[in-house]
Amino acid sequence: MDLITKQILQKFSTQRVELGLLQDIESDYDFLLNKIKPLEDKFYDALSDAKNYQKFLIKDSSKLENVQKDIISAKRKLKEIGLDKQVSALDKMSSKVDAMVKDIERLKNIKL
């Protein structure tokens, strides 16, 4: 093989490598567009939904406080008239409401 032929083959070989690199980059870019970008969009949609849910939960948390007060008042009245069985049912409700209040307090502290 003469020198010119070697140079031409070497140039073609270099161009094939560069073309292969370009194809690899295009493949990676297509992956980003088809896989990563939709996930990113879904993430921001979920974040927006979470902000809305957080807002509604915080807004409605005052209703839980009212339920807590009502339970305390009802328990006192039931004890006065001797209906202790109903008091234990209210105790169960009260513990669930207390847990919900704690959960919402944690939600208030999450920065979205």
PDB file of N, CA and C in Angstrom:
ATOM      1  N   MET A   1       0.838  -1.173   0.000  1.00  0.00           N
ATOM      2  CA  MET A   1       0.000   0.000   0.000  1.00  0.00           C
ATOM      3  C   MET A   1       0.882   1.235   0.000  1.00  0.00           C
ATOM      4  N   ASP A   2       0.564   2.112  -0.865  1.00  0.00           N
ATOM      5  CA  ASP A   2       1.391   3.311  -0.935  1.00  0.00           C
ATOM      6  C   ASP A   2       0.962   4.318   0.131  1.00  0.00           C
ATOM      7  N   LEU A   3       1.748   5.336   0.288  1.00  0.00           N
ATOM      8  CA  LEU A   3       1.560   6.348   1.323  1.00  0.00           C
ATOM      9  C   LEU A   3       0.235   7.090   1.157  1.00  0.00           C
ATOM     10  N   ILE A   4      -0.154   7.421  -0.029  1.00  0.00           N
ATOM     11  CA  ILE A   4      -1.401   8.159  -0.272  1.00  0.00           C
ATOM     12  C   ILE A   4      -2.595   7.291   0.127  1.00  0.00           C
ATOM     13  N   THR A   5      -2.542   6.031  -0.229  1.00  0.00           N
ATOM     14  CA  THR A   5      -3.635   5.122   0.122  1.00  0.00           C
ATOM     15  C   THR A   5      -3.750   4.993   1.640  1.00  0.00           C
ATOM     16  N   LYS A   6      -2.603   4.887   2.331  1.00  0.00           N
ATOM     17  CA  LYS A   6      -2.605   4.810   3.797  1.00  0.00           C
ATOM     18  C   LYS A   6      -3.200   6.075   4.402  1.00  0.00           C
ATOM     19  N   GLN A   7      -2.839   7.222   3.867  1.00  0.00           N
ATOM     20  CA  GLN A   7      -3.362   8.490   4.386  1.00  0.00           C
ATOM     21  C   GLN A   7      -4.880   8.587   4.166  1.00  0.00           C
ATOM     22  N   ILE A   8      -5.326   8.152   3.014  1.00  0.00           N
ATOM     23  CA  ILE A   8      -6.763   8.176   2.708  1.00  0.00           C
ATOM     24  C   ILE A   8      -7.507   7.229   3.649  1.00  0.00           C
ATOM     25  N   LEU A   9      -6.979   6.029   3.859  1.00  0.00           N
ATOM     26  CA  LEU A   9      -7.617   5.067   4.757  1.00  0.00           C
ATOM     27  C   LEU A   9      -7.626   5.574   6.197  1.00  0.00           C
ATOM     28  N   GLN A  10      -6.543   6.194   6.588  1.00  0.00           N
ATOM     29  CA  GLN A  10      -6.463   6.744   7.940  1.00  0.00           C
ATOM     30  C   GLN A  10      -7.481   7.869   8.119  1.00  0.00           C
ATOM     31  N   LYS A  11      -7.642   8.707   7.103  1.00  0.00           N
ATOM     32  CA  LYS A  11      -8.604   9.801   7.156  1.00  0.00           C
ATOM     33  C   LYS A  11     -10.024   9.238   7.246  1.00  0.00           C
ATOM     34  N   PHE A  12     -10.333   8.223   6.456  1.00  0.00           N
ATOM     35  CA  PHE A  12     -11.657   7.590   6.506  1.00  0.00           C
ATOM     36  C   PHE A  12     -11.893   6.947   7.882  1.00  0.00           C
ATOM     37  N   SER A  13     -10.861   6.338   8.426  1.00  0.00           N
ATOM     38  CA  SER A  13     -10.964   5.705   9.739  1.00  0.00           C
ATOM     39  C   SER A  13     -11.271   6.756  10.807  1.00  0.00           C
ATOM     40  N   THR A  14     -10.586   7.883  10.745  1.00  0.00           N
ATOM     41  CA  THR A  14     -10.818   8.987  11.682  1.00  0.00           C
ATOM     42  C   THR A  14     -12.233   9.521  11.531  1.00  0.00           C
ATOM     43  N   GLN A  15     -12.699   9.655  10.311  1.00  0.00           N
ATOM     44  CA  GLN A  15     -14.052  10.154  10.072  1.00  0.00           C
ATOM     45  C   GLN A  15     -15.097   9.177  10.612  1.00  0.00           C
ATOM     46  N   ARG A  16     -14.836   7.864  10.473  1.00  0.00           N
ATOM     47  CA  ARG A  16     -15.768   6.865  11.015  1.00  0.00           C
ATOM     48  C   ARG A  16     -15.848   6.963  12.529  1.00  0.00           C
ATOM     49  N   VAL A  17     -14.706   7.170  13.183  1.00  0.00           N
ATOM     50  CA  VAL A  17     -14.680   7.318  14.636  1.00  0.00           C
ATOM     51  C   VAL A  17     -15.473   8.555  15.042  1.00  0.00           C
ATOM     52  N   GLU A  18     -15.237   9.652  14.325  1.00  0.00           N
ATOM     53  CA  GLU A  18     -15.966  10.885  14.633  1.00  0.00           C
ATOM     54  C   GLU A  18     -17.458  10.712  14.391  1.00  0.00           C
ATOM     55  N   LEU A  19     -17.828  10.025  13.324  1.00  0.00           N
ATOM     56  CA  LEU A  19     -19.226   9.758  13.021  1.00  0.00           C
ATOM     57  C   LEU A  19     -19.836   8.872  14.113  1.00  0.00           C
ATOM     58  N   GLY A  20     -19.075   7.894  14.587  1.00  0.00           N
ATOM     59  CA  GLY A  20     -19.542   7.023  15.672  1.00  0.00           C
ATOM     60  C   GLY A  20     -19.783   7.808  16.945  1.00  0.00           C
ATOM     61  N   LEU A  21     -18.873   8.741  17.240  1.00  0.00           N
ATOM     62  CA  LEU A  21     -19.047   9.596  18.419  1.00  0.00           C
ATOM     63  C   LEU A  21     -20.302  10.448  18.284  1.00  0.00           C
ATOM     64  N   LEU A  22     -20.512  10.994  17.097  1.00  0.00           N
ATOM     65  CA  LEU A  22     -21.697  11.802  16.843  1.00  0.00           C
ATOM     66  C   LEU A  22     -22.964  10.974  17.025  1.00  0.00           C
ATOM     67  N   GLN A  23     -22.940   9.747  16.537  1.00  0.00           N
ATOM     68  CA  GLN A  23     -24.105   8.868  16.695  1.00  0.00           C
ATOM     69  C   GLN A  23     -24.338   8.525  18.168  1.00  0.00           C
ATOM     70  N   ASP A  24     -23.258   8.326  18.913  1.00  0.00           N
ATOM     71  CA  ASP A  24     -23.394   8.060  20.354  1.00  0.00           C
ATOM     72  C   ASP A  24     -24.015   9.253  21.071  1.00  0.00           C
ATOM     73  N   ILE A  25     -23.561  10.446  20.710  1.00  0.00           N
ATOM     74  CA  ILE A  25     -24.113  11.665  21.320  1.00  0.00           C
ATOM     75  C   ILE A  25     -25.582  11.818  20.971  1.00  0.00           C
ATOM     76  N   GLU A  26     -25.929  11.571  19.725  1.00  0.00           N
ATOM     77  CA  GLU A  26     -27.327  11.657  19.302  1.00  0.00           C
ATOM     78  C   GLU A  26     -28.184  10.640  20.053  1.00  0.00           C
ATOM     79  N   SER A  27     -27.653   9.453  20.242  1.00  0.00           N
ATOM     80  CA  SER A  27     -28.372   8.412  20.978  1.00  0.00           C
ATOM     81  C   SER A  27     -28.606   8.838  22.426  1.00  0.00           C
ATOM     82  N   ASP A  28     -27.557   9.375  23.060  1.00  0.00           N
ATOM     83  CA  ASP A  28     -27.690   9.860  24.445  1.00  0.00           C
ATOM     84  C   ASP A  28     -28.689  11.011  24.526  1.00  0.00           C
ATOM     85  N   TYR A  29     -28.642  11.901  23.561  1.00  0.00           N
ATOM     86  CA  TYR A  29     -29.564  13.039  23.529  1.00  0.00           C
ATOM     87  C   TYR A  29     -31.002  12.554  23.358  1.00  0.00           C
ATOM     88  N   ASP A  30     -31.209  11.590  22.462  1.00  0.00           N
ATOM     89  CA  ASP A  30     -32.550  11.024  22.279  1.00  0.00           C
ATOM     90  C   ASP A  30     -33.049  10.386  23.571  1.00  0.00           C
ATOM     91  N   PHE A  31     -32.158   9.704  24.290  1.00  0.00           N
ATOM     92  CA  PHE A  31     -32.526   9.115  25.574  1.00  0.00           C
ATOM     93  C   PHE A  31     -33.001  10.204  26.529  1.00  0.00           C
ATOM     94  N   LEU A  32     -32.248  11.291  26.586  1.00  0.00           N
ATOM     95  CA  LEU A  32     -32.632  12.398  27.474  1.00  0.00           C
ATOM     96  C   LEU A  32     -34.003  12.951  27.116  1.00  0.00           C
ATOM     97  N   LEU A  33     -34.228  13.156  25.838  1.00  0.00           N
ATOM     98  CA  LEU A  33     -35.513  13.708  25.399  1.00  0.00           C
ATOM     99  C   LEU A  33     -36.670  12.748  25.675  1.00  0.00           C
ATOM    100  N   ASN A  34     -36.455  11.468  25.442  1.00  0.00           N
ATOM    101  CA  ASN A  34     -37.541  10.493  25.534  1.00  0.00           C
ATOM    102  C   ASN A  34     -37.762   9.928  26.929  1.00  0.00           C
ATOM    103  N   LYS A  35     -36.757   9.922  27.758  1.00  0.00           N
ATOM    104  CA  LYS A  35     -36.876   9.308  29.089  1.00  0.00           C
ATOM    105  C   LYS A  35     -36.780  10.332  30.216  1.00  0.00           C
ATOM    106  N   ILE A  36     -35.743  11.124  30.198  1.00  0.00           N
ATOM    107  CA  ILE A  36     -35.469  12.028  31.313  1.00  0.00           C
ATOM    108  C   ILE A  36     -36.438  13.211  31.330  1.00  0.00           C
ATOM    109  N   LYS A  37     -36.640  13.854  30.217  1.00  0.00           N
ATOM    110  CA  LYS A  37     -37.494  15.049  30.167  1.00  0.00           C
ATOM    111  C   LYS A  37     -38.923  14.751  30.617  1.00  0.00           C
ATOM    112  N   PRO A  38     -39.553  13.669  30.149  1.00  0.00           N
ATOM    113  CA  PRO A  38     -40.902  13.373  30.640  1.00  0.00           C
ATOM    114  C   PRO A  38     -40.946  13.123  32.154  1.00  0.00           C
ATOM    115  N   LEU A  39     -39.904  12.472  32.688  1.00  0.00           N
ATOM    116  CA  LEU A  39     -39.847  12.253  34.132  1.00  0.00           C
ATOM    117  C   LEU A  39     -39.693  13.569  34.875  1.00  0.00           C
ATOM    118  N   GLU A  40     -38.895  14.452  34.331  1.00  0.00           N
ATOM    119  CA  GLU A  40     -38.727  15.773  34.937  1.00  0.00           C
ATOM    120  C   GLU A  40     -40.067  16.516  34.946  1.00  0.00           C
ATOM    121  N   ASP A  41     -40.785  16.451  33.837  1.00  0.00           N
ATOM    122  CA  ASP A  41     -42.102  17.095  33.768  1.00  0.00           C
ATOM    123  C   ASP A  41     -43.060  16.503  34.794  1.00  0.00           C
ATOM    124  N   LYS A  42     -43.057  15.178  34.915  1.00  0.00           N
ATOM    125  CA  LYS A  42     -43.925  14.525  35.899  1.00  0.00           C
ATOM    126  C   LYS A  42     -43.544  14.932  37.319  1.00  0.00           C
ATOM    127  N   PHE A  43     -42.244  15.072  37.573  1.00  0.00           N
ATOM    128  CA  PHE A  43     -41.778  15.491  38.891  1.00  0.00           C
ATOM    129  C   PHE A  43     -42.335  16.866  39.239  1.00  0.00           C
ATOM    130  N   TYR A  44     -42.228  17.819  38.307  1.00  0.00           N
ATOM    131  CA  TYR A  44     -42.719  19.170  38.582  1.00  0.00           C
ATOM    132  C   TYR A  44     -44.241  19.195  38.708  1.00  0.00           C
ATOM    133  N   ASP A  45     -44.938  18.352  37.947  1.00  0.00           N
ATOM    134  CA  ASP A  45     -46.396  18.250  38.092  1.00  0.00           C
ATOM    135  C   ASP A  45     -46.750  17.713  39.480  1.00  0.00           C
ATOM    136  N   ALA A  46     -46.031  16.685  39.918  1.00  0.00           N
ATOM    137  CA  ALA A  46     -46.289  16.098  41.235  1.00  0.00           C
ATOM    138  C   ALA A  46     -45.979  17.104  42.339  1.00  0.00           C
ATOM    139  N   LEU A  47     -44.933  17.869  42.151  1.00  0.00           N
ATOM    140  CA  LEU A  47     -44.570  18.895  43.131  1.00  0.00           C
ATOM    141  C   LEU A  47     -45.667  19.953  43.228  1.00  0.00           C
ATOM    142  N   SER A  48     -46.196  20.347  42.095  1.00  0.00           N
ATOM    143  CA  SER A  48     -47.298  21.306  42.073  1.00  0.00           C
ATOM    144  C   SER A  48     -48.527  20.733  42.765  1.00  0.00           C
ATOM    145  N   ASP A  49     -48.845  19.471  42.479  1.00  0.00           N
ATOM    146  CA  ASP A  49     -49.970  18.811  43.146  1.00  0.00           C
ATOM    147  C   ASP A  49     -49.737  18.759  44.653  1.00  0.00           C
ATOM    148  N   ALA A  50     -48.515  18.431  45.050  1.00  0.00           N
ATOM    149  CA  ALA A  50     -48.198  18.341  46.481  1.00  0.00           C
ATOM    150  C   ALA A  50     -48.384  19.690  47.162  1.00  0.00           C
ATOM    151  N   LYS A  51     -47.994  20.771  46.497  1.00  0.00           N
ATOM    152  CA  LYS A  51     -48.203  22.113  47.070  1.00  0.00           C
ATOM    153  C   LYS A  51     -49.684  22.377  47.286  1.00  0.00           C
ATOM    154  N   ASN A  52     -50.500  22.007  46.309  1.00  0.00           N
ATOM    155  CA  ASN A  52     -51.945  22.216  46.436  1.00  0.00           C
ATOM    156  C   ASN A  52     -52.523  21.370  47.568  1.00  0.00           C
ATOM    157  N   TYR A  53     -52.125  20.095  47.646  1.00  0.00           N
ATOM    158  CA  TYR A  53     -52.605  19.236  48.724  1.00  0.00           C
ATOM    159  C   TYR A  53     -52.192  19.783  50.079  1.00  0.00           C
ATOM    160  N   GLN A  54     -50.955  20.250  50.161  1.00  0.00           N
ATOM    161  CA  GLN A  54     -50.456  20.808  51.411  1.00  0.00           C
ATOM    162  C   GLN A  54     -51.300  22.018  51.817  1.00  0.00           C
ATOM    163  N   LYS A  55     -51.585  22.875  50.860  1.00  0.00           N
ATOM    164  CA  LYS A  55     -52.377  24.075  51.140  1.00  0.00           C
ATOM    165  C   LYS A  55     -53.758  23.697  51.681  1.00  0.00           C
ATOM    166  N   PHE A  56     -54.421  22.738  51.031  1.00  0.00           N
ATOM    167  CA  PHE A  56     -55.755  22.328  51.475  1.00  0.00           C
ATOM    168  C   PHE A  56     -55.712  21.649  52.846  1.00  0.00           C
ATOM    169  N   LEU A  57     -54.701  20.820  53.076  1.00  0.00           N
ATOM    170  CA  LEU A  57     -54.593  20.158  54.374  1.00  0.00           C
ATOM    171  C   LEU A  57     -54.373  21.164  55.499  1.00  0.00           C
ATOM    172  N   ILE A  58     -53.523  22.133  55.250  1.00  0.00           N
ATOM    173  CA  ILE A  58     -53.260  23.151  56.270  1.00  0.00           C
ATOM    174  C   ILE A  58     -54.525  23.972  56.525  1.00  0.00           C
ATOM    175  N   LYS A  59     -55.208  24.314  55.434  1.00  0.00           N
ATOM    176  CA  LYS A  59     -56.447  25.101  55.563  1.00  0.00           C
ATOM    177  C   LYS A  59     -57.489  24.348  56.384  1.00  0.00           C
ATOM    178  N   ASP A  60     -57.599  23.045  56.160  1.00  0.00           N
ATOM    179  CA  ASP A  60     -58.604  22.241  56.853  1.00  0.00           C
ATOM    180  C   ASP A  60     -58.157  21.771  58.232  1.00  0.00           C
ATOM    181  N   SER A  61     -56.925  22.050  58.613  1.00  0.00           N
ATOM    182  CA  SER A  61     -56.438  21.576  59.912  1.00  0.00           C
ATOM    183  C   SER A  61     -57.208  22.202  61.074  1.00  0.00           C
ATOM    184  N   SER A  62     -57.762  23.379  60.873  1.00  0.00           N
ATOM    185  CA  SER A  62     -58.547  23.999  61.948  1.00  0.00           C
ATOM    186  C   SER A  62     -59.781  23.158  62.273  1.00  0.00           C
ATOM    187  N   LYS A  63     -60.299  22.442  61.280  1.00  0.00           N
ATOM    188  CA  LYS A  63     -61.449  21.560  61.518  1.00  0.00           C
ATOM    189  C   LYS A  63     -61.066  20.437  62.478  1.00  0.00           C
ATOM    190  N   LEU A  64     -59.840  19.956  62.379  1.00  0.00           N
ATOM    191  CA  LEU A  64     -59.377  18.924  63.308  1.00  0.00           C
ATOM    192  C   LEU A  64     -59.316  19.462  64.732  1.00  0.00           C
ATOM    193  N   GLU A  65     -58.854  20.688  64.863  1.00  0.00           N
ATOM    194  CA  GLU A  65     -58.792  21.307  66.193  1.00  0.00           C
ATOM    195  C   GLU A  65     -60.194  21.446  66.775  1.00  0.00           C
ATOM    196  N   ASN A  66     -61.171  21.782  65.922  1.00  0.00           N
ATOM    197  CA  ASN A  66     -62.556  21.880  66.388  1.00  0.00           C
ATOM    198  C   ASN A  66     -63.080  20.521  66.825  1.00  0.00           C
ATOM    199  N   VAL A  67     -62.730  19.476  66.075  1.00  0.00           N
ATOM    200  CA  VAL A  67     -63.151  18.121  66.442  1.00  0.00           C
ATOM    201  C   VAL A  67     -62.538  17.730  67.780  1.00  0.00           C
ATOM    202  N   GLN A  68     -61.268  18.075  67.980  1.00  0.00           N
ATOM    203  CA  GLN A  68     -60.627  17.772  69.263  1.00  0.00           C
ATOM    204  C   GLN A  68     -61.382  18.431  70.413  1.00  0.00           C
ATOM    205  N   LYS A  69     -61.726  19.693  70.242  1.00  0.00           N
ATOM    206  CA  LYS A  69     -62.465  20.412  71.296  1.00  0.00           C
ATOM    207  C   LYS A  69     -63.836  19.784  71.518  1.00  0.00           C
ATOM    208  N   ASP A  70     -64.517  19.413  70.439  1.00  0.00           N
ATOM    209  CA  ASP A  70     -65.837  18.786  70.556  1.00  0.00           C
ATOM    210  C   ASP A  70     -65.750  17.448  71.286  1.00  0.00           C
ATOM    211  N   ILE A  71     -64.719  16.690  71.012  1.00  0.00           N
ATOM    212  CA  ILE A  71     -64.539  15.396  71.677  1.00  0.00           C
ATOM    213  C   ILE A  71     -64.333  15.590  73.171  1.00  0.00           C
ATOM    214  N   ILE A  72     -63.495  16.541  73.522  1.00  0.00           N
ATOM    215  CA  ILE A  72     -63.248  16.811  74.946  1.00  0.00           C
ATOM    216  C   ILE A  72     -64.550  17.209  75.640  1.00  0.00           C
ATOM    217  N   SER A  73     -65.295  18.079  75.008  1.00  0.00           N
ATOM    218  CA  SER A  73     -66.573  18.525  75.577  1.00  0.00           C
ATOM    219  C   SER A  73     -67.558  17.361  75.691  1.00  0.00           C
ATOM    220  N   ALA A  74     -67.657  16.552  74.638  1.00  0.00           N
ATOM    221  CA  ALA A  74     -68.590  15.430  74.646  1.00  0.00           C
ATOM    222  C   ALA A  74     -68.198  14.401  75.695  1.00  0.00           C
ATOM    223  N   LYS A  75     -66.905  14.133  75.848  1.00  0.00           N
ATOM    224  CA  LYS A  75     -66.449  13.176  76.853  1.00  0.00           C
ATOM    225  C   LYS A  75     -66.836  13.638  78.257  1.00  0.00           C
ATOM    226  N   ARG A  76     -66.666  14.903  78.511  1.00  0.00           N
ATOM    227  CA  ARG A  76     -67.017  15.461  79.814  1.00  0.00           C
ATOM    228  C   ARG A  76     -68.515  15.273  80.088  1.00  0.00           C
ATOM    229  N   LYS A  77     -69.332  15.574  79.101  1.00  0.00           N
ATOM    230  CA  LYS A  77     -70.780  15.454  79.259  1.00  0.00           C
ATOM    231  C   LYS A  77     -71.207  13.998  79.420  1.00  0.00           C
ATOM    232  N   LEU A  78     -70.593  13.105  78.631  1.00  0.00           N
ATOM    233  CA  LEU A  78     -70.933  11.685  78.734  1.00  0.00           C
ATOM    234  C   LEU A  78     -70.555  11.117  80.100  1.00  0.00           C
ATOM    235  N   LYS A  79     -69.417  11.534  80.630  1.00  0.00           N
ATOM    236  CA  LYS A  79     -68.991  11.073  81.953  1.00  0.00           C
ATOM    237  C   LYS A  79     -69.976  11.556  83.021  1.00  0.00           C
ATOM    238  N   GLU A  80     -70.446  12.776  82.846  1.00  0.00           N
ATOM    239  CA  GLU A  80     -71.393  13.337  83.816  1.00  0.00           C
ATOM    240  C   GLU A  80     -72.677  12.522  83.895  1.00  0.00           C
ATOM    241  N   ILE A  81     -73.111  11.970  82.785  1.00  0.00           N
ATOM    242  CA  ILE A  81     -74.365  11.208  82.795  1.00  0.00           C
ATOM    243  C   ILE A  81     -74.132   9.693  82.845  1.00  0.00           C
ATOM    244  N   GLY A  82     -72.858   9.285  83.023  1.00  0.00           N
ATOM    245  CA  GLY A  82     -72.549   7.887  83.241  1.00  0.00           C
ATOM    246  C   GLY A  82     -72.480   7.012  81.997  1.00  0.00           C
ATOM    247  N   LEU A  83     -72.240   7.577  80.854  1.00  0.00           N
ATOM    248  CA  LEU A  83     -72.123   6.787  79.618  1.00  0.00           C
ATOM    249  C   LEU A  83     -70.647   6.568  79.264  1.00  0.00           C
ATOM    250  N   ASP A  84     -69.986   5.786  80.124  1.00  0.00           N
ATOM    251  CA  ASP A  84     -68.547   5.558  79.964  1.00  0.00           C
ATOM    252  C   ASP A  84     -68.203   4.757  78.708  1.00  0.00           C
ATOM    253  N   LYS A  85     -69.107   3.908  78.247  1.00  0.00           N
ATOM    254  CA  LYS A  85     -68.854   3.109  77.042  1.00  0.00           C
ATOM    255  C   LYS A  85     -68.657   4.029  75.830  1.00  0.00           C
ATOM    256  N   GLN A  86     -69.458   5.066  75.723  1.00  0.00           N
ATOM    257  CA  GLN A  86     -69.330   6.017  74.622  1.00  0.00           C
ATOM    258  C   GLN A  86     -68.048   6.850  74.760  1.00  0.00           C
ATOM    259  N   VAL A  87     -67.597   7.045  76.003  1.00  0.00           N
ATOM    260  CA  VAL A  87     -66.352   7.785  76.228  1.00  0.00           C
ATOM    261  C   VAL A  87     -65.173   7.033  75.615  1.00  0.00           C
ATOM    262  N   SER A  88     -65.153   5.711  75.757  1.00  0.00           N
ATOM    263  CA  SER A  88     -64.032   4.945  75.196  1.00  0.00           C
ATOM    264  C   SER A  88     -64.033   5.014  73.665  1.00  0.00           C
ATOM    265  N   ALA A  89     -65.210   5.071  73.059  1.00  0.00           N
ATOM    266  CA  ALA A  89     -65.279   5.231  71.596  1.00  0.00           C
ATOM    267  C   ALA A  89     -64.722   6.592  71.198  1.00  0.00           C
ATOM    268  N   LEU A  90     -65.034   7.604  71.989  1.00  0.00           N
ATOM    269  CA  LEU A  90     -64.495   8.943  71.709  1.00  0.00           C
ATOM    270  C   LEU A  90     -62.982   8.993  71.932  1.00  0.00           C
ATOM    271  N   ASP A  91     -62.497   8.210  72.894  1.00  0.00           N
ATOM    272  CA  ASP A  91     -61.046   8.149  73.123  1.00  0.00           C
ATOM    273  C   ASP A  91     -60.327   7.630  71.886  1.00  0.00           C
ATOM    274  N   LYS A  92     -60.913   6.610  71.237  1.00  0.00           N
ATOM    275  CA  LYS A  92     -60.313   6.061  70.014  1.00  0.00           C
ATOM    276  C   LYS A  92     -60.294   7.117  68.906  1.00  0.00           C
ATOM    277  N   MET A  93     -61.415   7.819  68.774  1.00  0.00           N
ATOM    278  CA  MET A  93     -61.469   8.888  67.761  1.00  0.00           C
ATOM    279  C   MET A  93     -60.450   9.973  68.071  1.00  0.00           C
ATOM    280  N   SER A  94     -60.360  10.302  69.346  1.00  0.00           N
ATOM    281  CA  SER A  94     -59.448  11.362  69.765  1.00  0.00           C
ATOM    282  C   SER A  94     -58.004  11.025  69.421  1.00  0.00           C
ATOM    283  N   SER A  95     -57.603   9.764  69.638  1.00  0.00           N
ATOM    284  CA  SER A  95     -56.215   9.399  69.333  1.00  0.00           C
ATOM    285  C   SER A  95     -55.955   9.465  67.826  1.00  0.00           C
ATOM    286  N   LYS A  96     -56.958   9.113  67.012  1.00  0.00           N
ATOM    287  CA  LYS A  96     -56.791   9.216  65.550  1.00  0.00           C
ATOM    288  C   LYS A  96     -56.698  10.676  65.116  1.00  0.00           C
ATOM    289  N   VAL A  97     -57.527  11.513  65.712  1.00  0.00           N
ATOM    290  CA  VAL A  97     -57.488  12.945  65.378  1.00  0.00           C
ATOM    291  C   VAL A  97     -56.147  13.536  65.803  1.00  0.00           C
ATOM    292  N   ASP A  98     -55.658  13.159  66.985  1.00  0.00           N
ATOM    293  CA  ASP A  98     -54.350  13.645  67.450  1.00  0.00           C
ATOM    294  C   ASP A  98     -53.241  13.265  66.473  1.00  0.00           C
ATOM    295  N   ALA A  99     -53.293  12.034  65.958  1.00  0.00           N
ATOM    296  CA  ALA A  99     -52.283  11.583  64.995  1.00  0.00           C
ATOM    297  C   ALA A  99     -52.379  12.402  63.711  1.00  0.00           C
ATOM    298  N   MET A 100     -53.599  12.695  63.276  1.00  0.00           N
ATOM    299  CA  MET A 100     -53.771  13.503  62.072  1.00  0.00           C
ATOM    300  C   MET A 100     -53.231  14.913  62.276  1.00  0.00           C
ATOM    301  N   VAL A 101     -53.456  15.476  63.450  1.00  0.00           N
ATOM    302  CA  VAL A 101     -52.938  16.823  63.753  1.00  0.00           C
ATOM    303  C   VAL A 101     -51.414  16.818  63.693  1.00  0.00           C
ATOM    304  N   LYS A 102     -50.787  15.788  64.258  1.00  0.00           N
ATOM    305  CA  LYS A 102     -49.318  15.685  64.218  1.00  0.00           C
ATOM    306  C   LYS A 102     -48.820  15.569  62.780  1.00  0.00           C
ATOM    307  N   ASP A 103     -49.514  14.766  61.979  1.00  0.00           N
ATOM    308  CA  ASP A 103     -49.124  14.605  60.575  1.00  0.00           C
ATOM    309  C   ASP A 103     -49.205  15.930  59.827  1.00  0.00           C
ATOM    310  N   ILE A 104     -50.264  16.670  60.057  1.00  0.00           N
ATOM    311  CA  ILE A 104     -50.419  17.961  59.366  1.00  0.00           C
ATOM    312  C   ILE A 104     -49.375  18.955  59.854  1.00  0.00           C
ATOM    313  N   GLU A 105     -49.022  18.897  61.124  1.00  0.00           N
ATOM    314  CA  GLU A 105     -47.957  19.781  61.628  1.00  0.00           C
ATOM    315  C   GLU A 105     -46.647  19.493  60.913  1.00  0.00           C
ATOM    316  N   ARG A 106     -46.372  18.205  60.671  1.00  0.00           N
ATOM    317  CA  ARG A 106     -45.156  17.847  59.912  1.00  0.00           C
ATOM    318  C   ARG A 106     -45.260  18.365  58.482  1.00  0.00           C
ATOM    319  N   LEU A 107     -46.452  18.244  57.883  1.00  0.00           N
ATOM    320  CA  LEU A 107     -46.648  18.726  56.511  1.00  0.00           C
ATOM    321  C   LEU A 107     -46.436  20.242  56.402  1.00  0.00           C
ATOM    322  N   LYS A 108     -46.827  20.955  57.442  1.00  0.00           N
ATOM    323  CA  LYS A 108     -46.651  22.422  57.420  1.00  0.00           C
ATOM    324  C   LYS A 108     -45.178  22.802  57.293  1.00  0.00           C
ATOM    325  N   ASN A 109     -44.303  21.958  57.830  1.00  0.00           N
ATOM    326  CA  ASN A 109     -42.864  22.265  57.849  1.00  0.00           C
ATOM    327  C   ASN A 109     -42.132  21.848  56.582  1.00  0.00           C
ATOM    328  N   ILE A 110     -42.823  21.182  55.668  1.00  0.00           N
ATOM    329  CA  ILE A 110     -42.181  20.750  54.427  1.00  0.00           C
ATOM    330  C   ILE A 110     -42.201  21.907  53.438  1.00  0.00           C
ATOM    331  N   LYS A 111     -41.046  22.280  52.966  1.00  0.00           N
ATOM    332  CA  LYS A 111     -40.929  23.373  51.978  1.00  0.00           C
ATOM    333  C   LYS A 111     -41.066  22.793  50.585  1.00  0.00           C
ATOM    334  N   LEU A 112     -42.117  23.208  49.896  1.00  0.00           N
ATOM    335  CA  LEU A 112     -42.342  22.709  48.528  1.00  0.00           C
ATOM    336  C   LEU A 112     -42.176  23.832  47.515  1.00  0.00           C
TER     337      LEU A 112
END
